Each structure stands twice: as C-alpha cells, then as structure tokens.
Amino acid sequence: MVIKAWLESSEFSMREDRERFINRTREFWQSRSAGTISREDARQIIQNISGFFEILANWQTTITTDNPYTYLHTEQDAIKKRVANE
C-alpha cells in the first residue's frame, strides 16, 4: 500500500515536472520567435532536440577507435571490427 501511494505520488510529480518543462520550453522559444509557440509545438521541440542528442550519442558509440573520421553504420559493425582487430 505504501509503495502504491509512493508510485502514485511520483507519477504525479513526474507529470507535474513534465508540464513545467513543457511550459518553460514554450516560454524560452516564444521569446525567440515571431510566431506563437503552442504547448504542442513545445512538446515537439523537446522531442526533436532529444532525438538529435540521441543520434549524436549513437554516432559517438559507432566511431572506430583507430580512425575517428571513420563512421560505422551499426553497433554490430563496430563489434565485428573490434573482434577482427583483436
């Protein structure tokens, strides 16, 4: 029972934090935009920026160690290359 109450309060808190984050994002971009930024626009901005940084993180993990300018297409390719070099 205590755990359920804690989870419910955490869920509320996460929802509240999410709403606050969307509002802050909207305010930030609204001050830099000539047009109106809706809550949905702010949510999409958050999603797009998160996706961008996820792509960067994935690229970082697929760069070979012997040549930082060579990019591998998948993590499986990186593993195969490491095994071949061992």
Foldseek 3Di string as FASTA:
>chain_A
DVVVVVVVVVVVVVVVVVVVQLVVQQVVVCVVDPDHQDSVNSVVVVVVVVVVVVVVVQQVLQQAPVDNVDGDDHNVVNVVVVVVVD
